[in-house]
Amino acid sequence: MAGIIRAVCISEEKGTAKKNVKQAVFIENFGLAGDAHAGKWHRQVSLLSYEKIEAFKALGAAVKDGDFGENLVVSGVDFAALPIGSKFQIGEVLLELTQIGKTCHDGCAIAQAVGQCIMPTEGVFASVLKGGLVSAGDRLEVRKEIGDGTDAF
């Protein structure tokens, strides 16, 4: 399974929407350079499926890339359907899925505007196993475990 990176987003401060910067450096065991949510924890990178965002927009939500706090918007991959531990290869960058969904904070602007938010069910989080540069237009490959504990595409 593969997808295409449609947006790379960061925010310099927590509690603010992220903005699409089109490319970023991913730092091993840390997250995206310049992103306020980077750090030595299990939610270094947040990902959302482009298709899930588009379905949400169809409900009347006027949202743009980064408004859900996502670092990567990816078309062609249903992240919430993948198991924890799944790995994503983007060029030289390697991510590992660590969490599916998160509770929205009180006063979530998206939930107030349209009655719900997609992060609790569709947003996923990953840690950076190997760093490098990621740009919009890059291919994301979902790696599969092949029985002997090793990974393959």
C-alpha atoms as a PDB file:
ATOM      1  CA  MET A   1       0.000   0.000   0.000  1.00  0.00           C
ATOM      2  CA  ALA A   2       1.295   3.439  -0.864  1.00  0.00           C
ATOM      3  CA  GLY A   3       0.180   7.042  -0.764  1.00  0.00           C
ATOM      4  CA  ILE A   4       1.347  10.508  -1.737  1.00  0.00           C
ATOM      5  CA  ILE A   5       2.247  13.295   0.696  1.00  0.00           C
ATOM      6  CA  ARG A   6      -0.095  16.208  -0.097  1.00  0.00           C
ATOM      7  CA  ALA A   7       0.981  18.592   2.698  1.00  0.00           C
ATOM      8  CA  VAL A   8       3.740  18.919   5.295  1.00  0.00           C
ATOM      9  CA  CYS A   9       2.628  21.125   8.191  1.00  0.00           C
ATOM     10  CA  ILE A  10       4.206  22.579  11.322  1.00  0.00           C
ATOM     11  CA  SER A  11       3.278  25.026  14.068  1.00  0.00           C
ATOM     12  CA  GLU A  12       5.803  27.004  16.067  1.00  0.00           C
ATOM     13  CA  GLU A  13       3.537  27.107  19.146  1.00  0.00           C
ATOM     14  CA  LYS A  14       1.238  24.541  20.747  1.00  0.00           C
ATOM     15  CA  GLY A  15      -2.452  25.356  20.591  1.00  0.00           C
ATOM     16  CA  THR A  16      -2.256  26.953  17.140  1.00  0.00           C
ATOM     17  CA  ALA A  17      -3.150  25.535  13.730  1.00  0.00           C
ATOM     18  CA  LYS A  18      -0.267  24.164  11.733  1.00  0.00           C
ATOM     19  CA  LYS A  19       0.632  25.694   8.372  1.00  0.00           C
ATOM     20  CA  ASN A  20       1.651  23.899   5.207  1.00  0.00           C
ATOM     21  CA  VAL A  21       5.386  24.491   4.724  1.00  0.00           C
ATOM     22  CA  LYS A  22       5.563  21.940   1.865  1.00  0.00           C
ATOM     23  CA  GLN A  23       8.729  20.252   3.229  1.00  0.00           C
ATOM     24  CA  ALA A  24      10.426  19.641   6.560  1.00  0.00           C
ATOM     25  CA  VAL A  25      13.353  17.844   8.099  1.00  0.00           C
ATOM     26  CA  PHE A  26      12.345  14.857  10.225  1.00  0.00           C
ATOM     27  CA  ILE A  27      14.713  14.302  13.148  1.00  0.00           C
ATOM     28  CA  GLU A  28      15.263  10.777  14.466  1.00  0.00           C
ATOM     29  CA  ASN A  29      13.567  10.169  17.847  1.00  0.00           C
ATOM     30  CA  PHE A  30      12.255  13.756  17.885  1.00  0.00           C
ATOM     31  CA  GLY A  31       9.869  14.795  15.088  1.00  0.00           C
ATOM     32  CA  LEU A  32       9.757  17.660  12.601  1.00  0.00           C
ATOM     33  CA  ALA A  33      12.330  20.436  12.921  1.00  0.00           C
ATOM     34  CA  GLY A  34      10.563  23.617  13.988  1.00  0.00           C
ATOM     35  CA  ASP A  35       7.335  21.930  15.106  1.00  0.00           C
ATOM     36  CA  ALA A  36       6.105  22.702  18.631  1.00  0.00           C
ATOM     37  CA  HIS A  37       4.884  19.116  19.141  1.00  0.00           C
ATOM     38  CA  ALA A  38       8.248  17.501  18.410  1.00  0.00           C
ATOM     39  CA  GLY A  39      10.007  15.899  21.351  1.00  0.00           C
ATOM     40  CA  LYS A  40      11.114  12.670  22.945  1.00  0.00           C
ATOM     41  CA  TRP A  41       7.700  11.032  23.169  1.00  0.00           C
ATOM     42  CA  HIS A  42       5.445   8.683  21.178  1.00  0.00           C
ATOM     43  CA  ARG A  43       3.493  11.403  19.277  1.00  0.00           C
ATOM     44  CA  GLN A  44       6.329  12.996  17.311  1.00  0.00           C
ATOM     45  CA  VAL A  45       4.444  13.112  13.980  1.00  0.00           C
ATOM     46  CA  SER A  46       0.694  13.288  13.330  1.00  0.00           C
ATOM     47  CA  LEU A  47      -0.847  11.981  10.106  1.00  0.00           C
ATOM     48  CA  LEU A  48      -4.278  12.266   8.494  1.00  0.00           C
ATOM     49  CA  SER A  49      -5.716  10.749   5.364  1.00  0.00           C
ATOM     50  CA  TYR A  50      -6.536  13.314   2.662  1.00  0.00           C
ATOM     51  CA  GLU A  51      -9.692  11.376   1.819  1.00  0.00           C
ATOM     52  CA  LYS A  52     -10.946  11.596   5.433  1.00  0.00           C
ATOM     53  CA  ILE A  53     -10.357  15.360   5.433  1.00  0.00           C
ATOM     54  CA  GLU A  54     -12.254  15.719   2.150  1.00  0.00           C
ATOM     55  CA  ALA A  55     -15.204  13.703   3.541  1.00  0.00           C
ATOM     56  CA  PHE A  56     -15.205  15.991   6.588  1.00  0.00           C
ATOM     57  CA  LYS A  57     -15.208  19.068   4.333  1.00  0.00           C
ATOM     58  CA  ALA A  58     -18.281  17.636   2.595  1.00  0.00           C
ATOM     59  CA  LEU A  59     -20.090  17.979   5.949  1.00  0.00           C
ATOM     60  CA  GLY A  60     -19.605  21.732   5.703  1.00  0.00           C
ATOM     61  CA  ALA A  61     -16.299  22.223   7.510  1.00  0.00           C
ATOM     62  CA  ALA A  62     -14.133  24.951   5.980  1.00  0.00           C
ATOM     63  CA  VAL A  63     -10.740  23.514   6.936  1.00  0.00           C
ATOM     64  CA  LYS A  64      -7.323  23.739   5.337  1.00  0.00           C
ATOM     65  CA  ASP A  65      -4.157  21.664   5.649  1.00  0.00           C
ATOM     66  CA  GLY A  66      -2.895  21.750   9.226  1.00  0.00           C
ATOM     67  CA  ASP A  67      -6.154  22.836  10.889  1.00  0.00           C
ATOM     68  CA  PHE A  68      -6.492  19.483  12.692  1.00  0.00           C
ATOM     69  CA  GLY A  69      -2.919  19.738  13.975  1.00  0.00           C
ATOM     70  CA  GLU A  70      -1.675  17.166  11.467  1.00  0.00           C
ATOM     71  CA  ASN A  71       1.926  17.184  10.256  1.00  0.00           C
ATOM     72  CA  LEU A  72       1.303  15.069   7.166  1.00  0.00           C
ATOM     73  CA  VAL A  73      -1.724  14.902   4.888  1.00  0.00           C
ATOM     74  CA  VAL A  74      -1.454  11.754   2.773  1.00  0.00           C
ATOM     75  CA  SER A  75      -3.726  10.555  -0.038  1.00  0.00           C
ATOM     76  CA  GLY A  76      -4.254   6.859  -0.673  1.00  0.00           C
ATOM     77  CA  VAL A  77      -3.756   5.494   2.877  1.00  0.00           C
ATOM     78  CA  ASP A  78      -6.424   4.845   5.535  1.00  0.00           C
ATOM     79  CA  PHE A  79      -4.152   5.242   8.562  1.00  0.00           C
ATOM     80  CA  ALA A  80      -6.801   4.466  11.198  1.00  0.00           C
ATOM     81  CA  ALA A  81      -7.259   0.985   9.671  1.00  0.00           C
ATOM     82  CA  LEU A  82      -3.591   0.049  10.209  1.00  0.00           C
ATOM     83  CA  PRO A  83      -2.255  -1.678  13.327  1.00  0.00           C
ATOM     84  CA  ILE A  84      -0.004  -0.023  15.882  1.00  0.00           C
ATOM     85  CA  GLY A  85       3.594  -0.778  14.917  1.00  0.00           C
ATOM     86  CA  SER A  86       3.026  -0.290  11.176  1.00  0.00           C
ATOM     87  CA  LYS A  87       5.962   1.397   9.504  1.00  0.00           C
ATOM     88  CA  PHE A  88       5.937   4.123   6.856  1.00  0.00           C
ATOM     89  CA  GLN A  89       8.855   4.738   4.503  1.00  0.00           C
ATOM     90  CA  ILE A  90       9.130   8.189   2.874  1.00  0.00           C
ATOM     91  CA  GLY A  91      12.410   8.271   0.963  1.00  0.00           C
ATOM     92  CA  GLU A  92      15.051   7.779   3.628  1.00  0.00           C
ATOM     93  CA  VAL A  93      12.640   8.646   6.465  1.00  0.00           C
ATOM     94  CA  LEU A  94      11.125   5.786   8.486  1.00  0.00           C
ATOM     95  CA  LEU A  95       8.148   6.295  10.823  1.00  0.00           C
ATOM     96  CA  GLU A  96       6.434   3.844  13.186  1.00  0.00           C
ATOM     97  CA  LEU A  97       2.723   4.091  14.047  1.00  0.00           C
ATOM     98  CA  THR A  98       2.413   4.533  17.825  1.00  0.00           C
ATOM     99  CA  GLN A  99      -1.159   5.710  18.500  1.00  0.00           C
ATOM    100  CA  ILE A 100      -4.534   5.874  16.736  1.00  0.00           C
ATOM    101  CA  GLY A 101      -6.764   8.811  17.645  1.00  0.00           C
ATOM    102  CA  LYS A 102      -6.614  11.269  20.502  1.00  0.00           C
ATOM    103  CA  THR A 103      -9.105  13.114  22.629  1.00  0.00           C
ATOM    104  CA  CYS A 104      -9.829  16.619  21.392  1.00  0.00           C
ATOM    105  CA  HIS A 105      -8.936  19.363  23.828  1.00  0.00           C
ATOM    106  CA  ASP A 106     -11.745  21.401  25.398  1.00  0.00           C
ATOM    107  CA  GLY A 107     -12.831  24.164  23.075  1.00  0.00           C
ATOM    108  CA  CYS A 108     -11.675  22.427  19.868  1.00  0.00           C
ATOM    109  CA  ALA A 109     -12.569  25.009  17.201  1.00  0.00           C
ATOM    110  CA  ILE A 110     -13.353  22.336  14.596  1.00  0.00           C
ATOM    111  CA  ALA A 111     -15.773  20.479  16.894  1.00  0.00           C
ATOM    112  CA  GLN A 112     -17.470  23.752  17.852  1.00  0.00           C
ATOM    113  CA  ALA A 113     -17.921  24.757  14.203  1.00  0.00           C
ATOM    114  CA  VAL A 114     -19.323  21.482  12.811  1.00  0.00           C
ATOM    115  CA  GLY A 115     -20.204  19.413  15.870  1.00  0.00           C
ATOM    116  CA  GLN A 116     -17.360  16.902  15.616  1.00  0.00           C
ATOM    117  CA  CYS A 117     -13.654  16.489  14.940  1.00  0.00           C
ATOM    118  CA  ILE A 118     -11.900  13.679  13.069  1.00  0.00           C
ATOM    119  CA  MET A 119      -8.738  13.499  15.186  1.00  0.00           C
ATOM    120  CA  PRO A 120     -10.287  11.196  17.853  1.00  0.00           C
ATOM    121  CA  THR A 121     -10.936   8.477  15.259  1.00  0.00           C
ATOM    122  CA  GLU A 122      -8.879   9.253  12.138  1.00  0.00           C
ATOM    123  CA  GLY A 123      -5.721  10.998  13.347  1.00  0.00           C
ATOM    124  CA  VAL A 124      -2.716   8.791  13.954  1.00  0.00           C
ATOM    125  CA  PHE A 125       0.668   9.394  15.504  1.00  0.00           C
ATOM    126  CA  ALA A 126       4.128   8.065  14.793  1.00  0.00           C
ATOM    127  CA  SER A 127       7.677   8.233  16.048  1.00  0.00           C
ATOM    128  CA  VAL A 128      10.631   8.932  13.770  1.00  0.00           C
ATOM    129  CA  LEU A 129      12.910   5.873  13.521  1.00  0.00           C
ATOM    130  CA  LYS A 130      15.117   7.426  10.822  1.00  0.00           C
ATOM    131  CA  GLY A 131      15.242  11.084   9.865  1.00  0.00           C
ATOM    132  CA  GLY A 132      15.580  13.001   6.630  1.00  0.00           C
ATOM    133  CA  LEU A 133      13.749  15.436   4.367  1.00  0.00           C
ATOM    134  CA  VAL A 134      10.063  14.951   3.469  1.00  0.00           C
ATOM    135  CA  SER A 135       8.337  17.052   0.804  1.00  0.00           C
ATOM    136  CA  ALA A 136       4.832  17.339  -0.608  1.00  0.00           C
ATOM    137  CA  GLY A 137       4.652  14.980  -3.581  1.00  0.00           C
ATOM    138  CA  ASP A 138       6.842  12.307  -1.943  1.00  0.00           C
ATOM    139  CA  ARG A 139       5.617   8.705  -1.933  1.00  0.00           C
ATOM    140  CA  LEU A 140       4.754   7.065   1.418  1.00  0.00           C
ATOM    141  CA  GLU A 141       5.063   3.260   1.454  1.00  0.00           C
ATOM    142  CA  VAL A 142       3.339   1.220   4.143  1.00  0.00           C
ATOM    143  CA  ARG A 143       5.747  -1.525   5.147  1.00  0.00           C
ATOM    144  CA  LYS A 144       4.393  -4.927   6.097  1.00  0.00           C
ATOM    145  CA  GLU A 145       5.879  -7.422   8.552  1.00  0.00           C
ATOM    146  CA  ILE A 146       6.620 -10.697   6.724  1.00  0.00           C
ATOM    147  CA  GLY A 147       6.368 -13.424   9.361  1.00  0.00           C
ATOM    148  CA  ASP A 148      10.063 -13.630  10.294  1.00  0.00           C
ATOM    149  CA  GLY A 149       9.896 -10.253  12.100  1.00  0.00           C
ATOM    150  CA  THR A 150      11.462  -8.310   9.226  1.00  0.00           C
ATOM    151  CA  ASP A 151       9.752  -5.640   7.131  1.00  0.00           C
ATOM    152  CA  ALA A 152       9.002  -5.581   3.418  1.00  0.00           C
ATOM    153  CA  PHE A 153       6.978  -3.385   1.105  1.00  0.00           C
END
